[in-house]
Protein backbone atom coordinates (compact mmCIF):
# COMPACT_ATOMS: atom_id res chain seq x y z
CA MET A 1 2.78 4.55 -11.78
CA SER A 2 -0.35 6.75 -11.72
CA ARG A 3 -2.21 7.37 -8.55
CA LYS A 4 -5.34 5.31 -7.98
CA ILE A 5 -8.58 7.00 -6.96
CA LEU A 6 -11.68 5.20 -5.79
CA ILE A 7 -14.87 6.86 -6.67
CA VAL A 8 -17.76 5.74 -4.39
CA GLU A 9 -20.98 7.10 -5.93
CA ASP A 10 -24.38 5.42 -6.43
CA GLU A 11 -25.47 7.42 -9.47
CA ALA A 12 -23.77 5.76 -12.51
CA PRO A 13 -23.70 8.95 -14.73
CA ILE A 14 -21.90 10.91 -12.03
CA ARG A 15 -19.55 8.06 -11.28
CA GLU A 16 -18.71 7.60 -14.99
CA MET A 17 -18.18 11.33 -15.42
CA LEU A 18 -15.86 11.43 -12.39
CA SER A 19 -13.93 8.45 -13.76
CA PHE A 20 -13.50 10.21 -17.12
CA VAL A 21 -12.22 13.32 -15.43
CA MET A 22 -9.71 11.31 -13.29
CA GLU A 23 -8.36 9.48 -16.29
CA GLN A 24 -8.07 12.65 -18.38
CA HIS A 25 -5.84 13.98 -15.67
CA GLY A 26 -3.66 10.89 -15.48
CA TYR A 27 -5.16 9.11 -12.51
CA GLN A 28 -6.42 5.51 -12.41
CA ALA A 29 -10.10 5.45 -11.57
CA ILE A 30 -11.83 2.63 -9.74
CA GLU A 31 -15.67 2.69 -9.17
CA ALA A 32 -17.97 1.48 -6.49
CA GLY A 33 -21.82 1.99 -6.38
CA ASP A 34 -22.49 1.05 -2.84
CA TYR A 35 -21.03 0.54 0.64
CA GLN A 36 -20.18 -3.20 0.31
CA SER A 37 -18.55 -2.89 -3.13
CA ALA A 38 -16.52 0.11 -1.87
CA LEU A 39 -15.14 -2.09 0.98
CA GLU A 40 -14.29 -4.81 -1.48
CA LYS A 41 -12.21 -2.33 -3.51
CA ILE A 42 -10.28 -1.02 -0.47
CA VAL A 43 -7.60 -3.75 -0.47
CA GLU A 44 -3.88 -3.83 -1.05
CA PRO A 45 -2.60 -2.06 -3.06
CA PHE A 46 -4.86 0.60 -1.39
CA PRO A 47 -6.32 3.47 -3.34
CA ASP A 48 -4.30 6.71 -3.02
CA MET A 49 -7.49 8.72 -2.49
CA ILE A 50 -11.25 8.10 -2.13
CA LEU A 51 -13.96 10.35 -3.50
CA LEU A 52 -16.88 9.41 -1.24
CA ASP A 53 -20.56 10.22 -1.69
CA TRP A 54 -22.48 10.92 1.43
CA MET A 55 -25.50 8.80 0.63
CA ILE A 56 -24.77 5.31 -0.78
CA PRO A 57 -26.78 2.03 -0.77
CA GLY A 58 -25.94 -0.19 2.18
CA GLY A 59 -24.63 2.48 4.48
CA THR A 60 -23.45 6.07 4.44
CA GLY A 61 -20.29 7.77 3.34
CA ILE A 62 -19.89 9.01 7.00
CA GLN A 63 -20.02 5.35 8.22
CA LEU A 64 -17.52 4.26 5.62
CA ALA A 65 -15.17 7.17 6.41
CA LYS A 66 -15.36 6.43 10.15
CA LYS A 67 -14.58 2.74 9.56
CA LEU A 68 -11.57 3.51 7.33
CA LYS A 69 -10.17 6.09 9.75
CA SER A 70 -10.39 3.67 12.68
CA ASP A 71 -8.36 1.09 10.91
CA ASP A 72 -4.49 1.24 11.10
CA PHE A 73 -4.15 -0.04 7.51
CA THR A 74 -6.52 2.46 5.92
CA ARG A 75 -6.58 5.60 8.10
CA ALA A 76 -3.87 7.34 6.05
CA ILE A 77 -5.99 7.22 2.78
CA PRO A 78 -7.20 10.78 2.10
CA ILE A 79 -10.99 11.14 1.63
CA ILE A 80 -12.91 13.95 -0.11
CA MET A 81 -16.64 13.82 0.68
CA LEU A 82 -19.03 14.54 -2.25
CA THR A 83 -22.55 15.40 -1.32
CA ALA A 84 -25.70 17.52 -2.15
CA ARG A 85 -25.83 18.34 1.63
CA GLY A 86 -24.45 21.85 1.98
CA GLU A 87 -25.41 22.58 5.63
CA GLU A 88 -22.56 23.65 7.79
CA GLU A 89 -23.27 20.93 10.41
CA ASP A 90 -23.00 18.21 7.73
CA LYS A 91 -19.68 19.54 6.57
CA VAL A 92 -18.45 19.56 10.20
CA ARG A 93 -19.66 16.02 10.67
CA GLY A 94 -17.75 14.93 7.54
CA LEU A 95 -14.61 16.54 8.66
CA GLU A 96 -14.90 15.26 12.24
CA VAL A 97 -14.90 11.64 11.13
CA GLY A 98 -11.66 12.21 9.18
CA ALA A 99 -12.55 13.49 5.67
CA ASP A 100 -9.78 15.68 4.30
CA ASP A 101 -12.09 17.95 2.26
CA TYR A 102 -15.75 18.36 1.44
CA MET A 103 -17.37 19.35 -1.87
CA THR A 104 -21.08 20.26 -2.35
CA LYS A 105 -22.81 19.17 -5.55
CA PRO A 106 -22.92 20.49 -8.20
CA PHE A 107 -19.27 21.33 -8.55
CA SER A 108 -16.95 21.83 -11.56
CA PRO A 109 -14.38 19.26 -12.55
CA LYS A 110 -11.79 22.06 -12.51
CA GLU A 111 -12.52 22.81 -8.85
CA LEU A 112 -12.55 19.08 -8.01
CA MET A 113 -9.07 18.52 -9.59
CA ALA A 114 -7.73 21.65 -7.66
CA ARG A 115 -9.07 20.14 -4.41
CA ILE A 116 -7.50 16.75 -5.17
CA ARG A 117 -4.11 18.26 -5.92
CA ALA A 118 -4.34 20.33 -2.69
CA VAL A 119 -5.18 17.29 -0.55
CA PHE A 120 -2.35 15.33 -2.09
CA ARG A 121 -0.01 18.22 -1.30
CA ARG A 122 -1.12 18.20 2.31
CA VAL A 123 -0.75 14.46 2.90
CA SER A 124 2.52 14.21 0.76
CA PRO A 125 4.53 17.47 0.82
CA THR A 126 6.43 16.34 -2.33
CA SER A 127 4.42 14.96 -5.17
CA LEU A 128 5.07 11.24 -5.66
CA ASP A 129 5.82 11.93 -9.40
CA GLU A 130 8.07 14.97 -8.98
CA PRO A 131 11.92 14.60 -9.26
CA ILE A 132 13.80 15.58 -6.12
CA GLU A 133 17.33 16.97 -6.15
CA VAL A 134 19.57 17.61 -3.15
CA GLU A 135 23.21 18.66 -3.56
CA GLY A 136 23.60 17.02 -6.93
CA LEU A 137 21.76 13.83 -5.90
CA ARG A 138 18.64 13.44 -8.14
CA LEU A 139 15.81 10.89 -7.81
CA ASP A 140 13.22 10.68 -10.54
CA PRO A 141 10.16 8.55 -9.37
CA VAL A 142 8.71 8.30 -12.87
CA SER A 143 11.84 6.93 -14.65
CA HIS A 144 12.87 5.22 -11.44
CA ARG A 145 16.48 6.57 -11.79
CA VAL A 146 18.84 8.03 -9.27
CA THR A 147 21.86 10.01 -10.44
CA ALA A 148 24.71 11.77 -8.58
CA PHE A 149 25.93 14.72 -10.62
CA ASN A 150 24.49 13.03 -13.66
CA ASP A 151 26.29 9.76 -12.96
CA PRO A 152 23.74 6.88 -12.67
CA LEU A 153 23.58 5.03 -9.37
CA ASP A 154 22.47 1.42 -9.12
CA MET A 155 20.28 0.38 -6.20
CA GLY A 156 17.50 -2.04 -5.42
CA PRO A 157 13.85 -1.32 -5.22
CA THR A 158 13.70 -1.10 -1.48
CA GLU A 159 16.73 1.26 -1.30
CA PHE A 160 15.04 3.37 -4.01
CA ARG A 161 11.85 3.60 -1.92
CA LEU A 162 13.85 4.29 1.22
CA LEU A 163 15.80 7.13 -0.53
CA HIS A 164 12.58 8.53 -2.02
CA PHE A 165 11.03 8.75 1.56
CA PHE A 166 14.03 10.28 3.01
CA MET A 167 14.43 12.94 0.29
CA SER A 168 10.62 13.69 0.58
CA HIS A 169 10.99 14.15 4.34
CA PRO A 170 14.32 15.80 5.03
CA GLU A 171 15.64 16.93 8.36
CA ARG A 172 13.27 14.70 10.30
CA VAL A 173 14.40 11.78 12.45
CA TYR A 174 12.57 8.46 11.89
CA SER A 175 12.75 5.37 14.10
CA ARG A 176 13.10 1.97 12.48
CA GLU A 177 9.36 1.31 13.21
CA GLN A 178 8.35 4.50 11.42
CA LEU A 179 10.57 3.61 8.40
CA LEU A 180 9.07 0.15 8.31
CA ASP A 181 5.51 1.62 8.30
CA ASN A 182 6.22 4.26 5.62
CA VAL A 183 8.46 2.25 3.34
CA TRP A 184 7.57 -1.39 3.79
CA GLY A 185 3.88 -0.85 4.74
CA THR A 186 1.97 -1.50 7.99
CA ASN A 187 0.72 -4.89 6.97
CA VAL A 188 4.05 -6.43 6.13
CA TYR A 189 6.03 -8.20 8.90
CA VAL A 190 9.70 -7.23 8.71
CA GLU A 191 12.12 -7.18 11.51
CA ASP A 192 13.49 -3.79 12.79
CA ARG A 193 17.11 -4.74 11.99
CA THR A 194 16.20 -5.26 8.33
CA VAL A 195 16.03 -1.47 8.12
CA ASP A 196 19.79 -1.34 9.21
CA VAL A 197 20.72 -3.75 6.39
CA HIS A 198 18.90 -1.63 3.74
CA ILE A 199 20.43 1.58 5.17
CA ARG A 200 23.90 0.09 4.76
CA ARG A 201 23.01 -0.82 1.13
CA LEU A 202 21.71 2.63 0.44
CA ARG A 203 24.86 4.22 1.83
CA LYS A 204 27.03 2.00 -0.27
CA ALA A 205 25.00 2.91 -3.39
CA LEU A 206 25.51 6.63 -2.56
CA GLU A 207 29.22 6.54 -2.04
CA LEU A 208 30.29 7.65 -5.58
CA HIS A 209 30.14 11.38 -4.72
CA ASP A 210 29.93 11.08 -0.95
CA HIS A 211 26.16 11.39 -0.81
CA SER A 212 26.16 8.63 1.75
CA ARG A 213 26.84 11.35 4.39
CA LEU A 214 23.29 12.58 3.87
CA ILE A 215 21.90 9.37 5.52
CA GLN A 216 22.62 10.15 9.16
CA THR A 217 22.33 7.84 12.23
CA VAL A 218 20.87 9.46 15.33
CA ARG A 219 22.06 7.30 18.17
CA GLY A 220 19.29 5.59 20.18
CA VAL A 221 16.51 7.09 17.86
CA GLY A 222 16.84 6.19 14.22
CA TYR A 223 17.82 7.90 10.96
CA ARG A 224 17.42 11.17 9.19
CA PHE A 225 18.22 12.65 5.74
CA SER A 226 20.16 15.91 6.21
CA LYS A 227 22.57 18.24 4.51
CA ASN A 228 23.88 19.46 7.85
């Protein structure tokens, strides 16, 4: 599934040009021309990134960024501010309210795409579309397949998401609450013990070539994905 980028820009020609560039590079573009319509577009499933103009009708990009970063559901959405204001103090203000990057108009589409990719790399060390392989265990997010030494493994969608998260964040211990937030989402109510059930299912799916050993229990803390 392609990443979704919300473009908040009041000038229609610029908005349409940005949408065209996004779609050319495989992203799904959504458009908003003012503060209120931007808020209406920031709903589940949330955009993967927001390109946010500083001056928009009904408010400012700074106000919108501040609002999003103060909300538990939306604070993780990366924001790139787009503006004609190039003064250093304006850039500092944008970054202080939580923007991940800042681009001064006019800018080239090539530079914008480079900045978008850089921000995605920072917020998600492994690209969501990139296959990951660890000791013969291979997960391909695009084809939604998992193989162990080329043997296909069968697992449910939740186990797939859980494995993808673990493989993207190796050698780190995550509590049940953290796994719930990252795999199930912060606005879904699921009991902590549900994580244990899915961990058991995931380990069972990984038994074929003993990859179940990679999913380790850390007593009193949570779980980690580790080769050691």
